[in-house]
Amino acid sequence: WYQRRVREAVVSTQSTGASHTHQAGVLNHTNPACWALLGHIQYLGDDLKGARDNYERTLSYEAPAPNTHSIRLRLASIYLQLQQYQAAKNMFLLACRDSPSCITWLGVVYRAIGWGN
């Protein structure tokens, strides 16, 4: 019973947060931070396609969003889950260019070797 109530509260909070963030994004549609936050909320709520769309929108702006590196990593992860392997590889390579790390290179190798197939 308790776990069910906690799960319902979390889903309700995520839904409300997503709604408010979307409204803020509509009011200031050129703010990449709003769309990144909405992408994070959707990612945590397992809405991969919505998160992908918002992360892609975030990265399309000239002004960089805060935490662009984590956005690229999450977007690459989403591409892998959606079996968009070439897009995942490209996103991991962009993340490597900006901030090389073992995680970014593992993503490139993962795709280059074809483990995702």
C-alpha atoms as a PDB file:
ATOM      1  CA  TRP A   1       0.000   0.000   0.000  1.00  0.00           C
ATOM      2  CA  TYR A   2       2.710   2.467   1.025  1.00  0.00           C
ATOM      3  CA  GLN A   3       4.822   1.831  -2.079  1.00  0.00           C
ATOM      4  CA  ARG A   4       1.818   2.298  -4.321  1.00  0.00           C
ATOM      5  CA  ARG A   5       1.030   5.664  -2.697  1.00  0.00           C
ATOM      6  CA  VAL A   6       4.642   6.797  -3.031  1.00  0.00           C
ATOM      7  CA  ARG A   7       4.668   5.763  -6.710  1.00  0.00           C
ATOM      8  CA  GLU A   8       1.411   7.666  -7.308  1.00  0.00           C
ATOM      9  CA  ALA A   9       2.852  10.760  -5.608  1.00  0.00           C
ATOM     10  CA  VAL A  10       6.011  10.624  -7.721  1.00  0.00           C
ATOM     11  CA  VAL A  11       4.044  10.238 -10.952  1.00  0.00           C
ATOM     12  CA  SER A  12       1.769  13.111  -9.943  1.00  0.00           C
ATOM     13  CA  THR A  13       4.757  15.316  -9.096  1.00  0.00           C
ATOM     14  CA  GLN A  14       6.476  14.489 -12.396  1.00  0.00           C
ATOM     15  CA  SER A  15       3.292  15.220 -14.306  1.00  0.00           C
ATOM     16  CA  THR A  16       2.821  18.561 -12.571  1.00  0.00           C
ATOM     17  CA  GLY A  17       6.492  19.424 -13.031  1.00  0.00           C
ATOM     18  CA  ALA A  18       6.345  18.568 -16.707  1.00  0.00           C
ATOM     19  CA  SER A  19       3.211  20.666 -17.154  1.00  0.00           C
ATOM     20  CA  HIS A  20       4.721  23.720 -15.453  1.00  0.00           C
ATOM     21  CA  THR A  21       8.004  23.348 -17.324  1.00  0.00           C
ATOM     22  CA  HIS A  22       6.183  23.072 -20.644  1.00  0.00           C
ATOM     23  CA  GLN A  23       4.209  26.229 -19.847  1.00  0.00           C
ATOM     24  CA  ALA A  24       7.449  28.055 -19.010  1.00  0.00           C
ATOM     25  CA  GLY A  25       8.938  26.831 -22.282  1.00  0.00           C
ATOM     26  CA  VAL A  26       5.966  28.139 -24.223  1.00  0.00           C
ATOM     27  CA  LEU A  27       6.333  31.553 -22.564  1.00  0.00           C
ATOM     28  CA  ASN A  28      10.075  31.649 -23.262  1.00  0.00           C
ATOM     29  CA  HIS A  29      10.446  29.241 -26.166  1.00  0.00           C
ATOM     30  CA  THR A  30      14.060  30.209 -26.919  1.00  0.00           C
ATOM     31  CA  ASN A  31      15.355  29.182 -23.491  1.00  0.00           C
ATOM     32  CA  PRO A  32      17.251  25.897 -23.950  1.00  0.00           C
ATOM     33  CA  ALA A  33      17.351  25.299 -20.179  1.00  0.00           C
ATOM     34  CA  CYS A  34      13.533  24.953 -20.104  1.00  0.00           C
ATOM     35  CA  TRP A  35      13.528  22.343 -22.839  1.00  0.00           C
ATOM     36  CA  ALA A  36      16.446  20.500 -21.231  1.00  0.00           C
ATOM     37  CA  LEU A  37      14.576  20.352 -17.923  1.00  0.00           C
ATOM     38  CA  LEU A  38      11.449  19.069 -19.648  1.00  0.00           C
ATOM     39  CA  GLY A  39      13.609  16.458 -21.390  1.00  0.00           C
ATOM     40  CA  HIS A  40      15.050  15.373 -18.030  1.00  0.00           C
ATOM     41  CA  ILE A  41      11.561  15.020 -16.539  1.00  0.00           C
ATOM     42  CA  GLN A  42      10.363  12.990 -19.511  1.00  0.00           C
ATOM     43  CA  TYR A  43      13.499  10.832 -19.434  1.00  0.00           C
ATOM     44  CA  LEU A  44      12.920  10.015 -15.781  1.00  0.00           C
ATOM     45  CA  GLY A  45       9.286   9.234 -16.584  1.00  0.00           C
ATOM     46  CA  ASP A  46      10.329   6.800 -19.362  1.00  0.00           C
ATOM     47  CA  ASP A  47       8.918   8.991 -22.137  1.00  0.00           C
ATOM     48  CA  LEU A  48      11.921   8.401 -24.380  1.00  0.00           C
ATOM     49  CA  LYS A  49      10.496   9.939 -27.538  1.00  0.00           C
ATOM     50  CA  GLY A  50       9.381  13.092 -25.725  1.00  0.00           C
ATOM     51  CA  ALA A  51      12.764  13.357 -24.006  1.00  0.00           C
ATOM     52  CA  ARG A  52      14.533  12.832 -27.328  1.00  0.00           C
ATOM     53  CA  ASP A  53      12.517  15.604 -28.970  1.00  0.00           C
ATOM     54  CA  ASN A  54      13.218  18.046 -26.145  1.00  0.00           C
ATOM     55  CA  TYR A  55      16.925  17.198 -25.949  1.00  0.00           C
ATOM     56  CA  GLU A  56      17.241  17.643 -29.713  1.00  0.00           C
ATOM     57  CA  ARG A  57      15.466  20.974 -29.442  1.00  0.00           C
ATOM     58  CA  THR A  58      17.781  22.001 -26.602  1.00  0.00           C
ATOM     59  CA  LEU A  59      20.863  21.264 -28.679  1.00  0.00           C
ATOM     60  CA  SER A  60      19.508  23.121 -31.716  1.00  0.00           C
ATOM     61  CA  TYR A  61      19.821  26.545 -30.060  1.00  0.00           C
ATOM     62  CA  GLU A  62      22.928  28.665 -30.589  1.00  0.00           C
ATOM     63  CA  ALA A  63      23.180  29.502 -26.894  1.00  0.00           C
ATOM     64  CA  PRO A  64      24.367  26.392 -25.069  1.00  0.00           C
ATOM     65  CA  ALA A  65      22.186  24.872 -22.410  1.00  0.00           C
ATOM     66  CA  PRO A  66      23.616  24.152 -18.999  1.00  0.00           C
ATOM     67  CA  ASN A  67      25.024  20.614 -18.757  1.00  0.00           C
ATOM     68  CA  THR A  68      25.197  20.060 -22.504  1.00  0.00           C
ATOM     69  CA  HIS A  69      27.464  17.091 -21.887  1.00  0.00           C
ATOM     70  CA  SER A  70      24.874  15.217 -19.818  1.00  0.00           C
ATOM     71  CA  ILE A  71      22.184  16.074 -22.374  1.00  0.00           C
ATOM     72  CA  ARG A  72      24.308  14.546 -25.141  1.00  0.00           C
ATOM     73  CA  LEU A  73      24.958  11.418 -23.067  1.00  0.00           C
ATOM     74  CA  ARG A  74      21.277  10.947 -22.304  1.00  0.00           C
ATOM     75  CA  LEU A  75      20.316  11.604 -25.913  1.00  0.00           C
ATOM     76  CA  ALA A  76      22.882   9.040 -27.099  1.00  0.00           C
ATOM     77  CA  SER A  77      21.480   6.562 -24.578  1.00  0.00           C
ATOM     78  CA  ILE A  78      17.953   7.212 -25.861  1.00  0.00           C
ATOM     79  CA  TYR A  79      19.122   6.665 -29.441  1.00  0.00           C
ATOM     80  CA  LEU A  80      20.571   3.297 -28.397  1.00  0.00           C
ATOM     81  CA  GLN A  81      17.317   2.295 -26.697  1.00  0.00           C
ATOM     82  CA  LEU A  82      15.361   3.321 -29.798  1.00  0.00           C
ATOM     83  CA  GLN A  83      17.831   1.366 -31.981  1.00  0.00           C
ATOM     84  CA  GLN A  84      19.018   4.491 -33.800  1.00  0.00           C
ATOM     85  CA  TYR A  85      22.620   3.329 -33.728  1.00  0.00           C
ATOM     86  CA  GLN A  86      24.233   5.797 -36.137  1.00  0.00           C
ATOM     87  CA  ALA A  87      22.643   8.741 -34.304  1.00  0.00           C
ATOM     88  CA  ALA A  88      23.886   7.288 -30.991  1.00  0.00           C
ATOM     89  CA  LYS A  89      27.425   6.974 -32.333  1.00  0.00           C
ATOM     90  CA  ASN A  90      27.390  10.539 -33.641  1.00  0.00           C
ATOM     91  CA  MET A  91      26.090  11.879 -30.334  1.00  0.00           C
ATOM     92  CA  PHE A  92      28.717   9.967 -28.349  1.00  0.00           C
ATOM     93  CA  LEU A  93      31.391  11.389 -30.678  1.00  0.00           C
ATOM     94  CA  LEU A  94      30.115  14.924 -30.046  1.00  0.00           C
ATOM     95  CA  ALA A  95      30.236  14.269 -26.312  1.00  0.00           C
ATOM     96  CA  CYS A  96      33.808  12.930 -26.711  1.00  0.00           C
ATOM     97  CA  ARG A  97      34.857  16.056 -28.578  1.00  0.00           C
ATOM     98  CA  ASP A  98      33.624  18.360 -25.843  1.00  0.00           C
ATOM     99  CA  SER A  99      34.517  16.301 -22.800  1.00  0.00           C
ATOM    100  CA  PRO A 100      36.311  13.007 -23.361  1.00  0.00           C
ATOM    101  CA  SER A 101      35.637  10.451 -20.664  1.00  0.00           C
ATOM    102  CA  CYS A 102      35.479   6.688 -20.283  1.00  0.00           C
ATOM    103  CA  ILE A 103      31.669   6.809 -20.600  1.00  0.00           C
ATOM    104  CA  THR A 104      31.702   8.742 -23.881  1.00  0.00           C
ATOM    105  CA  TRP A 105      34.376   6.523 -25.433  1.00  0.00           C
ATOM    106  CA  LEU A 106      32.614   3.380 -24.216  1.00  0.00           C
ATOM    107  CA  GLY A 107      29.508   4.582 -26.055  1.00  0.00           C
ATOM    108  CA  VAL A 108      31.490   5.052 -29.272  1.00  0.00           C
ATOM    109  CA  VAL A 109      33.141   1.644 -28.937  1.00  0.00           C
ATOM    110  CA  TYR A 110      29.797   0.036 -28.064  1.00  0.00           C
ATOM    111  CA  ARG A 111      28.375   1.244 -31.324  1.00  0.00           C
ATOM    112  CA  ALA A 112      31.515   0.828 -33.459  1.00  0.00           C
ATOM    113  CA  ILE A 113      31.881  -2.841 -32.519  1.00  0.00           C
ATOM    114  CA  GLY A 114      28.186  -3.353 -33.113  1.00  0.00           C
ATOM    115  CA  TRP A 115      27.174  -4.569 -29.667  1.00  0.00           C
ATOM    116  CA  GLY A 116      23.837  -2.851 -30.204  1.00  0.00           C
ATOM    117  CA  ASN A 117      22.915  -5.051 -33.152  1.00  0.00           C
END
